[in-house]
Each structure stands twice: as C-alpha cells, then as structure tokens.
C-alpha atoms as a PDB file:
ATOM      1  CA  UNK A   1     -15.299   1.584  23.305  1.00  0.00           C
ATOM      2  CA  UNK A   2     -18.128   3.400  21.322  1.00  0.00           C
ATOM      3  CA  UNK A   3     -19.712   1.712  18.244  1.00  0.00           C
ATOM      4  CA  UNK A   4     -18.645   4.876  15.905  1.00  0.00           C
ATOM      5  CA  UNK A   5     -14.769   4.728  17.458  1.00  0.00           C
ATOM      6  CA  UNK A   6     -14.907   0.912  17.040  1.00  0.00           C
ATOM      7  CA  UNK A   7     -16.017   1.542  13.163  1.00  0.00           C
ATOM      8  CA  UNK A   8     -13.338   4.027  12.591  1.00  0.00           C
ATOM      9  CA  UNK A   9     -10.504   1.450  14.459  1.00  0.00           C
ATOM     10  CA  UNK A  10     -11.813  -1.209  12.114  1.00  0.00           C
ATOM     11  CA  UNK A  11     -11.322   0.964   8.533  1.00  0.00           C
ATOM     12  CA  UNK A  12      -7.934   1.609   9.838  1.00  0.00           C
ATOM     13  CA  UNK A  13      -7.370   5.048   8.662  1.00  0.00           C
ATOM     14  CA  UNK A  14      -3.805   4.996   9.636  1.00  0.00           C
ATOM     15  CA  UNK A  15      -3.318   2.879   6.705  1.00  0.00           C
ATOM     16  CA  UNK A  16      -4.731   4.917   4.374  1.00  0.00           C
ATOM     17  CA  UNK A  17      -1.193   6.593   3.737  1.00  0.00           C
ATOM     18  CA  UNK A  18      -0.988   3.860   1.095  1.00  0.00           C
ATOM     19  CA  UNK A  19      -3.591   5.477  -1.126  1.00  0.00           C
ATOM     20  CA  UNK A  20      -1.252   8.562  -1.864  1.00  0.00           C
ATOM     21  CA  UNK A  21      -0.088   6.049  -4.551  1.00  0.00           C
ATOM     22  CA  UNK A  22      -3.252   7.356  -6.450  1.00  0.00           C
ATOM     23  CA  UNK A  23      -1.532  10.825  -6.412  1.00  0.00           C
ATOM     24  CA  UNK A  24       1.799   9.286  -8.196  1.00  0.00           C
ATOM     25  CA  UNK A  25       0.383  10.388 -11.724  1.00  0.00           C
ATOM     26  CA  UNK A  26      -0.325  13.646 -10.609  1.00  0.00           C
ATOM     27  CA  UNK A  27       2.925  14.817  -9.311  1.00  0.00           C
ATOM     28  CA  UNK A  28       5.223  13.080 -12.152  1.00  0.00           C
ATOM     29  CA  UNK A  29       2.761  14.357 -14.850  1.00  0.00           C
ATOM     30  CA  UNK A  30       3.638  17.857 -13.790  1.00  0.00           C
ATOM     31  CA  UNK A  31      -0.193  18.768 -13.044  1.00  0.00           C
ATOM     32  CA  UNK A  32       0.459  19.420  -9.297  1.00  0.00           C
ATOM     33  CA  UNK A  33      -0.175  23.237  -9.728  1.00  0.00           C
ATOM     34  CA  UNK A  34      -3.167  22.828 -11.594  1.00  0.00           C
ATOM     35  CA  UNK A  35      -6.276  23.033  -9.249  1.00  0.00           C
ATOM     36  CA  UNK A  36      -8.786  21.195 -11.430  1.00  0.00           C
ATOM     37  CA  UNK A  37      -6.233  18.187 -11.556  1.00  0.00           C
ATOM     38  CA  UNK A  38      -5.380  18.321  -7.683  1.00  0.00           C
ATOM     39  CA  UNK A  39      -9.134  18.165  -6.914  1.00  0.00           C
ATOM     40  CA  UNK A  40      -9.760  15.404  -9.387  1.00  0.00           C
ATOM     41  CA  UNK A  41      -6.904  13.258  -7.880  1.00  0.00           C
ATOM     42  CA  UNK A  42      -7.990  14.313  -4.227  1.00  0.00           C
ATOM     43  CA  UNK A  43     -11.623  12.892  -5.019  1.00  0.00           C
ATOM     44  CA  UNK A  44     -10.012   9.714  -6.471  1.00  0.00           C
ATOM     45  CA  UNK A  45      -7.567   9.261  -3.297  1.00  0.00           C
ATOM     46  CA  UNK A  46     -10.760   9.752  -1.004  1.00  0.00           C
ATOM     47  CA  UNK A  47     -12.655   7.063  -3.107  1.00  0.00           C
ATOM     48  CA  UNK A  48      -9.841   4.412  -2.545  1.00  0.00           C
ATOM     49  CA  UNK A  49      -9.610   5.649   1.162  1.00  0.00           C
ATOM     50  CA  UNK A  50     -13.566   4.605   1.539  1.00  0.00           C
ATOM     51  CA  UNK A  51     -12.632   1.503  -0.448  1.00  0.00           C
ATOM     52  CA  UNK A  52      -9.704   0.524   1.989  1.00  0.00           C
ATOM     53  CA  UNK A  53     -11.688   0.801   4.534  1.00  0.00           C
ATOM     54  CA  UNK A  54     -14.667  -0.991   3.331  1.00  0.00           C
ATOM     55  CA  UNK A  55     -12.041  -3.827   2.368  1.00  0.00           C
ATOM     56  CA  UNK A  56     -10.649  -3.810   6.194  1.00  0.00           C
ATOM     57  CA  UNK A  57     -13.982  -4.554   7.628  1.00  0.00           C
ATOM     58  CA  UNK A  58     -14.835  -7.293   5.234  1.00  0.00           C
ATOM     59  CA  UNK A  59     -11.332  -9.010   6.201  1.00  0.00           C
ATOM     60  CA  UNK A  60     -11.763  -8.478   9.713  1.00  0.00           C
ATOM     61  CA  UNK A  61     -15.134 -10.129   9.392  1.00  0.00           C
ATOM     62  CA  UNK A  62     -13.715 -12.875   7.448  1.00  0.00           C
ATOM     63  CA  UNK A  63     -10.595 -13.522  10.041  1.00  0.00           C
ATOM     64  CA  UNK A  64     -12.301 -12.808  13.331  1.00  0.00           C
ATOM     65  CA  UNK A  65     -11.910 -16.595  14.574  1.00  0.00           C
ATOM     66  CA  UNK A  66      -8.310 -16.636  13.739  1.00  0.00           C
ATOM     67  CA  UNK A  67      -8.063 -12.906  14.922  1.00  0.00           C
ATOM     68  CA  UNK A  68      -9.266 -13.730  18.428  1.00  0.00           C
ATOM     69  CA  UNK A  69      -6.440 -16.248  19.184  1.00  0.00           C
ATOM     70  CA  UNK A  70      -4.031 -13.637  17.964  1.00  0.00           C
ATOM     71  CA  UNK A  71      -2.017 -11.712  21.029  1.00  0.00           C
ATOM     72  CA  UNK A  72      -2.544  -7.973  19.275  1.00  0.00           C
ATOM     73  CA  UNK A  73      -5.203  -8.426  16.676  1.00  0.00           C
ATOM     74  CA  UNK A  74      -7.550  -9.847  19.336  1.00  0.00           C
ATOM     75  CA  UNK A  75      -8.206  -6.359  20.439  1.00  0.00           C
ATOM     76  CA  UNK A  76      -9.619  -5.655  16.998  1.00  0.00           C
ATOM     77  CA  UNK A  77     -13.274  -4.095  17.553  1.00  0.00           C
ATOM     78  CA  UNK A  78     -14.777  -7.202  15.595  1.00  0.00           C
ATOM     79  CA  UNK A  79     -12.670  -9.799  17.107  1.00  0.00           C
ATOM     80  CA  UNK A  80     -13.279  -7.978  20.845  1.00  0.00           C
ATOM     81  CA  UNK A  81     -16.976  -7.547  20.099  1.00  0.00           C
ATOM     82  CA  UNK A  82     -16.832  -3.876  20.328  1.00  0.00           C
ATOM     83  CA  UNK A  83     -18.333  -3.934  16.691  1.00  0.00           C
ATOM     84  CA  UNK A  84     -20.731  -6.394  15.362  1.00  0.00           C
ATOM     85  CA  UNK A  85     -20.039  -8.390  12.235  1.00  0.00           C
ATOM     86  CA  UNK A  86     -23.562  -7.366  10.700  1.00  0.00           C
ATOM     87  CA  UNK A  87     -22.709  -3.881  11.323  1.00  0.00           C
ATOM     88  CA  UNK A  88     -19.203  -4.128   9.943  1.00  0.00           C
ATOM     89  CA  UNK A  89     -20.556  -5.705   6.609  1.00  0.00           C
ATOM     90  CA  UNK A  90     -23.309  -3.117   6.194  1.00  0.00           C
ATOM     91  CA  UNK A  91     -21.056  -0.399   6.445  1.00  0.00           C
ATOM     92  CA  UNK A  92     -18.675  -2.151   4.120  1.00  0.00           C
ATOM     93  CA  UNK A  93     -20.945  -2.230   1.475  1.00  0.00           C
ATOM     94  CA  UNK A  94     -22.228   1.429   1.810  1.00  0.00           C
ATOM     95  CA  UNK A  95     -18.660   2.774   1.772  1.00  0.00           C
ATOM     96  CA  UNK A  96     -17.920   0.389  -1.219  1.00  0.00           C
ATOM     97  CA  UNK A  97     -21.150   1.766  -3.060  1.00  0.00           C
ATOM     98  CA  UNK A  98     -20.237   5.322  -2.441  1.00  0.00           C
ATOM     99  CA  UNK A  99     -16.768   5.154  -3.580  1.00  0.00           C
ATOM    100  CA  UNK A 100     -17.666   3.093  -6.819  1.00  0.00           C
ATOM    101  CA  UNK A 101     -20.181   5.744  -7.388  1.00  0.00           C
ATOM    102  CA  UNK A 102     -18.027   8.659  -6.754  1.00  0.00           C
ATOM    103  CA  UNK A 103     -15.260   7.140  -9.363  1.00  0.00           C
ATOM    104  CA  UNK A 104     -17.982   6.543 -12.049  1.00  0.00           C
ATOM    105  CA  UNK A 105     -18.808  10.435 -11.685  1.00  0.00           C
ATOM    106  CA  UNK A 106     -15.260  11.175 -12.301  1.00  0.00           C
ATOM    107  CA  UNK A 107     -14.361   8.708 -15.089  1.00  0.00           C
ATOM    108  CA  UNK A 108     -15.649   5.491 -15.907  1.00  0.00           C
ATOM    109  CA  UNK A 109     -12.016   4.229 -16.280  1.00  0.00           C
ATOM    110  CA  UNK A 110     -11.201   5.158 -12.687  1.00  0.00           C
ATOM    111  CA  UNK A 111     -14.528   3.390 -11.885  1.00  0.00           C
ATOM    112  CA  UNK A 112     -13.078   0.212 -13.453  1.00  0.00           C
ATOM    113  CA  UNK A 113      -9.877   0.508 -11.731  1.00  0.00           C
ATOM    114  CA  UNK A 114     -11.680   0.814  -8.413  1.00  0.00           C
ATOM    115  CA  UNK A 115     -14.301  -1.866  -9.037  1.00  0.00           C
ATOM    116  CA  UNK A 116     -11.228  -4.175  -9.934  1.00  0.00           C
ATOM    117  CA  UNK A 117      -9.428  -2.889  -6.885  1.00  0.00           C
ATOM    118  CA  UNK A 118     -12.447  -3.859  -4.771  1.00  0.00           C
ATOM    119  CA  UNK A 119     -12.717  -7.223  -6.350  1.00  0.00           C
ATOM    120  CA  UNK A 120      -9.212  -8.486  -6.146  1.00  0.00           C
ATOM    121  CA  UNK A 121      -9.195  -7.420  -2.181  1.00  0.00           C
ATOM    122  CA  UNK A 122     -12.249  -9.496  -2.125  1.00  0.00           C
ATOM    123  CA  UNK A 123     -10.534 -12.641  -3.694  1.00  0.00           C
ATOM    124  CA  UNK A 124      -7.676 -11.966  -1.369  1.00  0.00           C
ATOM    125  CA  UNK A 125      -9.772 -12.133   1.700  1.00  0.00           C
ATOM    126  CA  UNK A 126     -11.623 -15.140   0.617  1.00  0.00           C
ATOM    127  CA  UNK A 127      -8.898 -17.319  -0.805  1.00  0.00           C
ATOM    128  CA  UNK A 128      -5.574 -15.822  -2.602  1.00  0.00           C
ATOM    129  CA  UNK A 129      -4.213 -14.605   1.263  1.00  0.00           C
ATOM    130  CA  UNK A 130      -3.538 -18.107   1.697  1.00  0.00           C
ATOM    131  CA  UNK A 131      -1.345 -19.050  -1.236  1.00  0.00           C
ATOM    132  CA  UNK A 132       2.390 -18.031  -0.304  1.00  0.00           C
ATOM    133  CA  UNK A 133       3.657 -15.757  -2.827  1.00  0.00           C
ATOM    134  CA  UNK A 134       0.407 -14.976  -4.761  1.00  0.00           C
ATOM    135  CA  UNK A 135      -0.753 -12.964  -1.526  1.00  0.00           C
ATOM    136  CA  UNK A 136       2.221 -10.692  -1.936  1.00  0.00           C
ATOM    137  CA  UNK A 137       1.410 -10.499  -5.726  1.00  0.00           C
ATOM    138  CA  UNK A 138      -1.941  -9.332  -5.000  1.00  0.00           C
ATOM    139  CA  UNK A 139      -1.015  -6.743  -2.593  1.00  0.00           C
ATOM    140  CA  UNK A 140       1.384  -5.394  -5.432  1.00  0.00           C
ATOM    141  CA  UNK A 141      -1.713  -5.576  -8.041  1.00  0.00           C
ATOM    142  CA  UNK A 142      -3.410  -3.292  -5.439  1.00  0.00           C
ATOM    143  CA  UNK A 143      -0.816  -0.642  -5.673  1.00  0.00           C
ATOM    144  CA  UNK A 144      -0.568  -0.780  -9.392  1.00  0.00           C
ATOM    145  CA  UNK A 145      -4.236  -0.460  -9.574  1.00  0.00           C
ATOM    146  CA  UNK A 146      -4.117   2.684  -7.197  1.00  0.00           C
ATOM    147  CA  UNK A 147      -1.443   4.312  -9.671  1.00  0.00           C
ATOM    148  CA  UNK A 148      -3.672   3.458 -12.933  1.00  0.00           C
ATOM    149  CA  UNK A 149      -6.833   4.804 -11.037  1.00  0.00           C
ATOM    150  CA  UNK A 150      -4.757   8.079 -10.356  1.00  0.00           C
ATOM    151  CA  UNK A 151      -3.923   8.135 -13.945  1.00  0.00           C
ATOM    152  CA  UNK A 152      -7.521   7.560 -15.068  1.00  0.00           C
ATOM    153  CA  UNK A 153      -8.803  10.378 -12.753  1.00  0.00           C
ATOM    154  CA  UNK A 154      -6.655  12.910 -14.650  1.00  0.00           C
ATOM    155  CA  UNK A 155      -6.922  11.503 -18.023  1.00  0.00           C
ATOM    156  CA  UNK A 156      -3.046  11.146 -18.314  1.00  0.00           C
ATOM    157  CA  UNK A 157      -1.196   8.122 -19.359  1.00  0.00           C
ATOM    158  CA  UNK A 158       0.516   5.990 -16.410  1.00  0.00           C
ATOM    159  CA  UNK A 159       4.486   5.899 -16.963  1.00  0.00           C
ATOM    160  CA  UNK A 160       5.489   2.240 -17.692  1.00  0.00           C
ATOM    161  CA  UNK A 161       8.695   3.086 -15.530  1.00  0.00           C
ATOM    162  CA  UNK A 162       6.032   4.577 -12.444  1.00  0.00           C
ATOM    163  CA  UNK A 163       4.096   1.078 -12.842  1.00  0.00           C
ATOM    164  CA  UNK A 164       7.613  -1.166 -12.837  1.00  0.00           C
ATOM    165  CA  UNK A 165       8.829   1.087  -9.561  1.00  0.00           C
ATOM    166  CA  UNK A 166       5.418   0.450  -7.994  1.00  0.00           C
ATOM    167  CA  UNK A 167       5.187  -3.211  -8.397  1.00  0.00           C
ATOM    168  CA  UNK A 168       8.707  -4.084  -7.191  1.00  0.00           C
ATOM    169  CA  UNK A 169       8.032  -1.520  -4.342  1.00  0.00           C
ATOM    170  CA  UNK A 170       5.045  -3.063  -3.350  1.00  0.00           C
ATOM    171  CA  UNK A 171       6.252  -6.715  -3.536  1.00  0.00           C
ATOM    172  CA  UNK A 172       9.229  -5.477  -1.288  1.00  0.00           C
ATOM    173  CA  UNK A 173       7.143  -3.940   1.167  1.00  0.00           C
ATOM    174  CA  UNK A 174       4.731  -7.241   1.088  1.00  0.00           C
ATOM    175  CA  UNK A 175       7.514  -9.489   1.672  1.00  0.00           C
ATOM    176  CA  UNK A 176       8.647  -7.307   4.647  1.00  0.00           C
ATOM    177  CA  UNK A 177       5.391  -7.525   6.302  1.00  0.00           C
ATOM    178  CA  UNK A 178       5.874 -11.503   5.695  1.00  0.00           C
ATOM    179  CA  UNK A 179       9.296 -11.657   7.303  1.00  0.00           C
ATOM    180  CA  UNK A 180       8.043  -9.876  10.211  1.00  0.00           C
ATOM    181  CA  UNK A 181       5.051 -12.417  10.367  1.00  0.00           C
ATOM    182  CA  UNK A 182       7.444 -15.191  10.159  1.00  0.00           C
ATOM    183  CA  UNK A 183       9.675 -13.944  12.808  1.00  0.00           C
ATOM    184  CA  UNK A 184       6.640 -13.618  15.266  1.00  0.00           C
ATOM    185  CA  UNK A 185       5.434 -16.963  14.211  1.00  0.00           C
ATOM    186  CA  UNK A 186       8.776 -18.645  15.067  1.00  0.00           C
ATOM    187  CA  UNK A 187       8.661 -17.204  18.636  1.00  0.00           C
ATOM    188  CA  UNK A 188       5.047 -17.702  19.345  1.00  0.00           C
ATOM    189  CA  UNK A 189       4.909 -21.213  17.643  1.00  0.00           C
ATOM    190  CA  UNK A 190       1.578 -20.100  15.621  1.00  0.00           C
ATOM    191  CA  UNK A 191       2.816 -20.180  12.265  1.00  0.00           C
ATOM    192  CA  UNK A 192      -0.162 -21.779  10.435  1.00  0.00           C
ATOM    193  CA  UNK A 193      -2.951 -20.423  12.866  1.00  0.00           C
ATOM    194  CA  UNK A 194      -2.432 -16.694  12.160  1.00  0.00           C
ATOM    195  CA  UNK A 195      -2.061 -16.940   8.363  1.00  0.00           C
ATOM    196  CA  UNK A 196      -2.145 -19.984   6.416  1.00  0.00           C
ATOM    197  CA  UNK A 197       0.467 -18.566   3.845  1.00  0.00           C
ATOM    198  CA  UNK A 198       3.133 -18.440   6.167  1.00  0.00           C
ATOM    199  CA  UNK A 199       3.367 -21.992   5.947  1.00  0.00           C
ATOM    200  CA  UNK A 200       4.761 -21.609   2.219  1.00  0.00           C
ATOM    201  CA  UNK A 201       7.236 -19.256   3.437  1.00  0.00           C
ATOM    202  CA  UNK A 202      10.816 -19.704   4.883  1.00  0.00           C
ATOM    203  CA  UNK A 203      12.173 -16.568   6.653  1.00  0.00           C
ATOM    204  CA  UNK A 204      15.870 -16.972   4.812  1.00  0.00           C
ATOM    205  CA  UNK A 205      14.223 -17.412   1.423  1.00  0.00           C
ATOM    206  CA  UNK A 206      11.999 -14.129   2.075  1.00  0.00           C
ATOM    207  CA  UNK A 207      15.294 -12.118   3.434  1.00  0.00           C
ATOM    208  CA  UNK A 208      17.062 -12.788   0.371  1.00  0.00           C
ATOM    209  CA  UNK A 209      14.200 -12.288  -1.800  1.00  0.00           C
ATOM    210  CA  UNK A 210      13.773  -8.782  -0.075  1.00  0.00           C
ATOM    211  CA  UNK A 211      17.000  -7.853  -0.539  1.00  0.00           C
ATOM    212  CA  UNK A 212      17.242  -8.707  -4.071  1.00  0.00           C
ATOM    213  CA  UNK A 213      13.810  -6.920  -4.703  1.00  0.00           C
ATOM    214  CA  UNK A 214      15.074  -3.950  -3.052  1.00  0.00           C
ATOM    215  CA  UNK A 215      18.023  -3.879  -5.376  1.00  0.00           C
ATOM    216  CA  UNK A 216      15.968  -4.263  -8.297  1.00  0.00           C
ATOM    217  CA  UNK A 217      13.695  -1.366  -7.036  1.00  0.00           C
ATOM    218  CA  UNK A 218      16.720   1.020  -6.861  1.00  0.00           C
ATOM    219  CA  UNK A 219      17.719  -0.293 -10.385  1.00  0.00           C
ATOM    220  CA  UNK A 220      14.708   0.566 -11.913  1.00  0.00           C
ATOM    221  CA  UNK A 221      13.848   4.259 -10.122  1.00  0.00           C
ATOM    222  CA  UNK A 222      17.515   4.910 -11.581  1.00  0.00           C
ATOM    223  CA  UNK A 223      16.999   3.629 -15.132  1.00  0.00           C
ATOM    224  CA  UNK A 224      13.764   5.674 -14.821  1.00  0.00           C
ATOM    225  CA  UNK A 225      15.525   8.849 -13.839  1.00  0.00           C
ATOM    226  CA  UNK A 226      18.362   8.433 -16.873  1.00  0.00           C
ATOM    227  CA  UNK A 227      16.046   7.449 -19.359  1.00  0.00           C
ATOM    228  CA  UNK A 228      16.167  10.022 -22.510  1.00  0.00           C
ATOM    229  CA  UNK A 229      12.141  10.030 -22.361  1.00  0.00           C
ATOM    230  CA  UNK A 230      12.088  10.857 -18.681  1.00  0.00           C
ATOM    231  CA  UNK A 231      15.043  13.807 -19.192  1.00  0.00           C
ATOM    232  CA  UNK A 232      13.402  14.982 -22.249  1.00  0.00           C
ATOM    233  CA  UNK A 233       9.591  15.044 -20.480  1.00  0.00           C
ATOM    234  CA  UNK A 234      11.305  16.827 -17.402  1.00  0.00           C
ATOM    235  CA  UNK A 235      13.860  19.212 -19.310  1.00  0.00           C
ATOM    236  CA  UNK A 236      16.539  17.845 -16.717  1.00  0.00           C
ATOM    237  CA  UNK A 237      18.588  15.068 -16.023  1.00  0.00           C
ATOM    238  CA  UNK A 238      18.814  16.220 -12.039  1.00  0.00           C
ATOM    239  CA  UNK A 239      15.868  13.660 -11.198  1.00  0.00           C
ATOM    240  CA  UNK A 240      18.916  11.394 -10.640  1.00  0.00           C
ATOM    241  CA  UNK A 241      19.739  13.334  -7.618  1.00  0.00           C
ATOM    242  CA  UNK A 242      17.095  11.775  -5.842  1.00  0.00           C
ATOM    243  CA  UNK A 243      18.448   8.350  -6.188  1.00  0.00           C
ATOM    244  CA  UNK A 244      20.051   8.064  -2.490  1.00  0.00           C
ATOM    245  CA  UNK A 245      17.013   9.075  -0.648  1.00  0.00           C
ATOM    246  CA  UNK A 246      15.198   6.278  -2.502  1.00  0.00           C
ATOM    247  CA  UNK A 247      18.329   3.854  -1.414  1.00  0.00           C
ATOM    248  CA  UNK A 248      18.180   4.930   1.899  1.00  0.00           C
ATOM    249  CA  UNK A 249      14.530   4.506   2.443  1.00  0.00           C
ATOM    250  CA  UNK A 250      14.781   0.822   1.097  1.00  0.00           C
ATOM    251  CA  UNK A 251      17.909   0.230   3.470  1.00  0.00           C
ATOM    252  CA  UNK A 252      15.761   1.743   6.433  1.00  0.00           C
ATOM    253  CA  UNK A 253      12.865  -0.697   5.713  1.00  0.00           C
ATOM    254  CA  UNK A 254      15.184  -3.648   5.326  1.00  0.00           C
ATOM    255  CA  UNK A 255      16.720  -2.607   8.653  1.00  0.00           C
ATOM    256  CA  UNK A 256      13.220  -2.510  10.248  1.00  0.00           C
ATOM    257  CA  UNK A 257      11.823  -5.898   8.403  1.00  0.00           C
ATOM    258  CA  UNK A 258      15.039  -7.721   9.079  1.00  0.00           C
ATOM    259  CA  UNK A 259      17.586  -6.611  11.550  1.00  0.00           C
ATOM    260  CA  UNK A 260      15.687  -4.725  14.039  1.00  0.00           C
ATOM    261  CA  UNK A 261      12.190  -5.736  13.991  1.00  0.00           C
ATOM    262  CA  UNK A 262       9.372  -4.102  16.424  1.00  0.00           C
ATOM    263  CA  UNK A 263       5.984  -5.328  17.483  1.00  0.00           C
ATOM    264  CA  UNK A 264       4.574  -3.135  15.011  1.00  0.00           C
ATOM    265  CA  UNK A 265       4.726  -4.688  11.334  1.00  0.00           C
ATOM    266  CA  UNK A 266       7.457  -2.877   9.186  1.00  0.00           C
ATOM    267  CA  UNK A 267       5.015  -0.694   7.259  1.00  0.00           C
ATOM    268  CA  UNK A 268       3.688   0.494  10.396  1.00  0.00           C
ATOM    269  CA  UNK A 269       7.104   1.149  12.233  1.00  0.00           C
ATOM    270  CA  UNK A 270       8.446   2.978   9.162  1.00  0.00           C
ATOM    271  CA  UNK A 271       5.654   5.368   9.457  1.00  0.00           C
ATOM    272  CA  UNK A 272       6.702   6.028  13.114  1.00  0.00           C
ATOM    273  CA  UNK A 273      10.390   5.935  12.636  1.00  0.00           C
ATOM    274  CA  UNK A 274      12.064   9.600  12.717  1.00  0.00           C
ATOM    275  CA  UNK A 275      14.856   8.605  10.027  1.00  0.00           C
ATOM    276  CA  UNK A 276      12.781   6.805   7.493  1.00  0.00           C
ATOM    277  CA  UNK A 277      10.283   9.988   7.850  1.00  0.00           C
ATOM    278  CA  UNK A 278      13.159  12.289   7.640  1.00  0.00           C
ATOM    279  CA  UNK A 279      14.518  10.566   4.767  1.00  0.00           C
ATOM    280  CA  UNK A 280      10.801  10.719   3.118  1.00  0.00           C
ATOM    281  CA  UNK A 281      10.491  14.413   3.627  1.00  0.00           C
ATOM    282  CA  UNK A 282      13.918  14.899   2.148  1.00  0.00           C
ATOM    283  CA  UNK A 283      13.187  12.923  -0.875  1.00  0.00           C
ATOM    284  CA  UNK A 284       9.646  14.483  -1.381  1.00  0.00           C
ATOM    285  CA  UNK A 285      11.491  17.936  -1.372  1.00  0.00           C
ATOM    286  CA  UNK A 286      14.004  17.423  -3.609  1.00  0.00           C
ATOM    287  CA  UNK A 287      11.627  15.569  -6.036  1.00  0.00           C
ATOM    288  CA  UNK A 288       9.405  18.666  -5.943  1.00  0.00           C
ATOM    289  CA  UNK A 289      12.114  20.775  -6.370  1.00  0.00           C
ATOM    290  CA  UNK A 290      13.512  19.100  -9.321  1.00  0.00           C
ATOM    291  CA  UNK A 291      10.300  18.764 -11.129  1.00  0.00           C
ATOM    292  CA  UNK A 292       8.668  22.081 -10.435  1.00  0.00           C
ATOM    293  CA  UNK A 293      11.219  24.348  -8.869  1.00  0.00           C
END
C-alpha cells in the first residue's frame, strides 16, 4: 500500500457522508436554490470533512495498540505499519489548521463550532470514549455541532426541532454501533480489549434503549412536521407525508443493528443496504418536492 493510499484510507472518506448534516440548515431554511448559500455550505461541509479526517488519523494513532489485536482494525494503515504515526499526526495537524482557517474566513461563528467539534473529538479520543453512554453523548454532540456550523455558515438560526431530531438520531446511531460491538465482543471474548467503554454496556439494555430512542426520534420528527411554526414557514402541512420514510429508515437500521447484524458496523452496513438507500432516496425526493416543489 502506497503512503498516499494509506493516508486516504486513514482519513476514511467513506465516513464523510455524516458531514452532510452540515447542509441540513441549507435545505430546511429554503435556500437550496440560492448559489451563494450553496457555495458557503459546500465549503463548510468540506471543512468538516477535513476535520473528520484529522480526527480519524489522531484517533488511530491513539488506538494503534488495541487496533493491532482487533481482527479487522489491525488492517488499518497505522496499525499495520503502512502509515507511520508521525506522518499521520503531521497530516492531522495540517488538515485541522486548513479547515479551521477556512471556517474563520467564512464566519467566526462557524470557526467556533468547528473548533469545538475538533476539541470534543480530541477529548473523546483521549478519555471520553472510555466512559459508557458518555461516549454516545459526545458523538451526538458532534452531530449537533455540524448542524450549528452549517447554520452559522449561511447566517440562519438552527431550528430547535432540527436540533432535537438530530440529537436523538445521533444517539440512536451511536447506540446501534455499540450494540454491534457488544455482539461482536460476546462472540470473540474481547469485550474490554477493543473498547473499554463496552464494559459499562449491557446488550439487552442497549437494545431496549435503541428502540425507545428510535420511537422518540420518530415522534419528534412528527411533532416538527405538524407544529404551527413549521406549517407557517413552509406554507403547507404536507411535510408530514415524509414521516413514513423516516420511520422505515429507523426500522431498517434497527433490523441491521439488532436482528441481522453483519461484519460491518450498522452505520456502514446501511450505506451498502439497497433497501435503506431506496428509502433514503425516496425520503429526500419527497422532502425536496414538498419544500421546493
């Protein structure tokens, strides 16, 4: 594996799809057809992608020893020796500086949210990911900072309902990943060796919590679509028509995480699952038609 290829693999570009949450404010503020807003949002998304890559590189350096005893993570470039720890940290620093500088040029508020995102991820890698449930809460905070950063990039207020739905969805996805890791750890007998926080989780508790959070996420989205403010802002009550797609997506993720787990984590598996992708396309098309059509 060449050094460039190893670096790109370490930055995990396939995970950058999560940074599309930065564009949530653009879509729901009805500015998707405004080129200036689109460009500013695209630059903010790019900045968060660079920060995400820097975070992954830093985290892999921190976890290099535990990754080397993991059956799949041992193939990561740093754990396998394809990319040196020094090179990974150097690139992480450069990418973070470039991203934060770009954010500062766009908006000082965006730079603040981006800096908080970077700092909380460093804290996560160093300590917080070892504390059960706190680790999932930090992941959820990262998604909220993405949404707030996207809103700051185009100078629009972030809807409280958008933040509530984002937080619940992020917790739901984070618990799904932990459920997958717990199931794998039970099969391999390496519960504490791969992630210390897993010792504080119990799979039955995680399953019940996931189902409850999934229900709460659907309920929050329904409340958002039927709220008087939402109906007045969009000039229609038809946003509720997108609810079945949200419910189906959550149900499909539960299926992938709890009842039909694969070798990939559920967040990665859903991006390869044709049924989930079909539902995502249908949900996106429905939302765009209702908001802009």
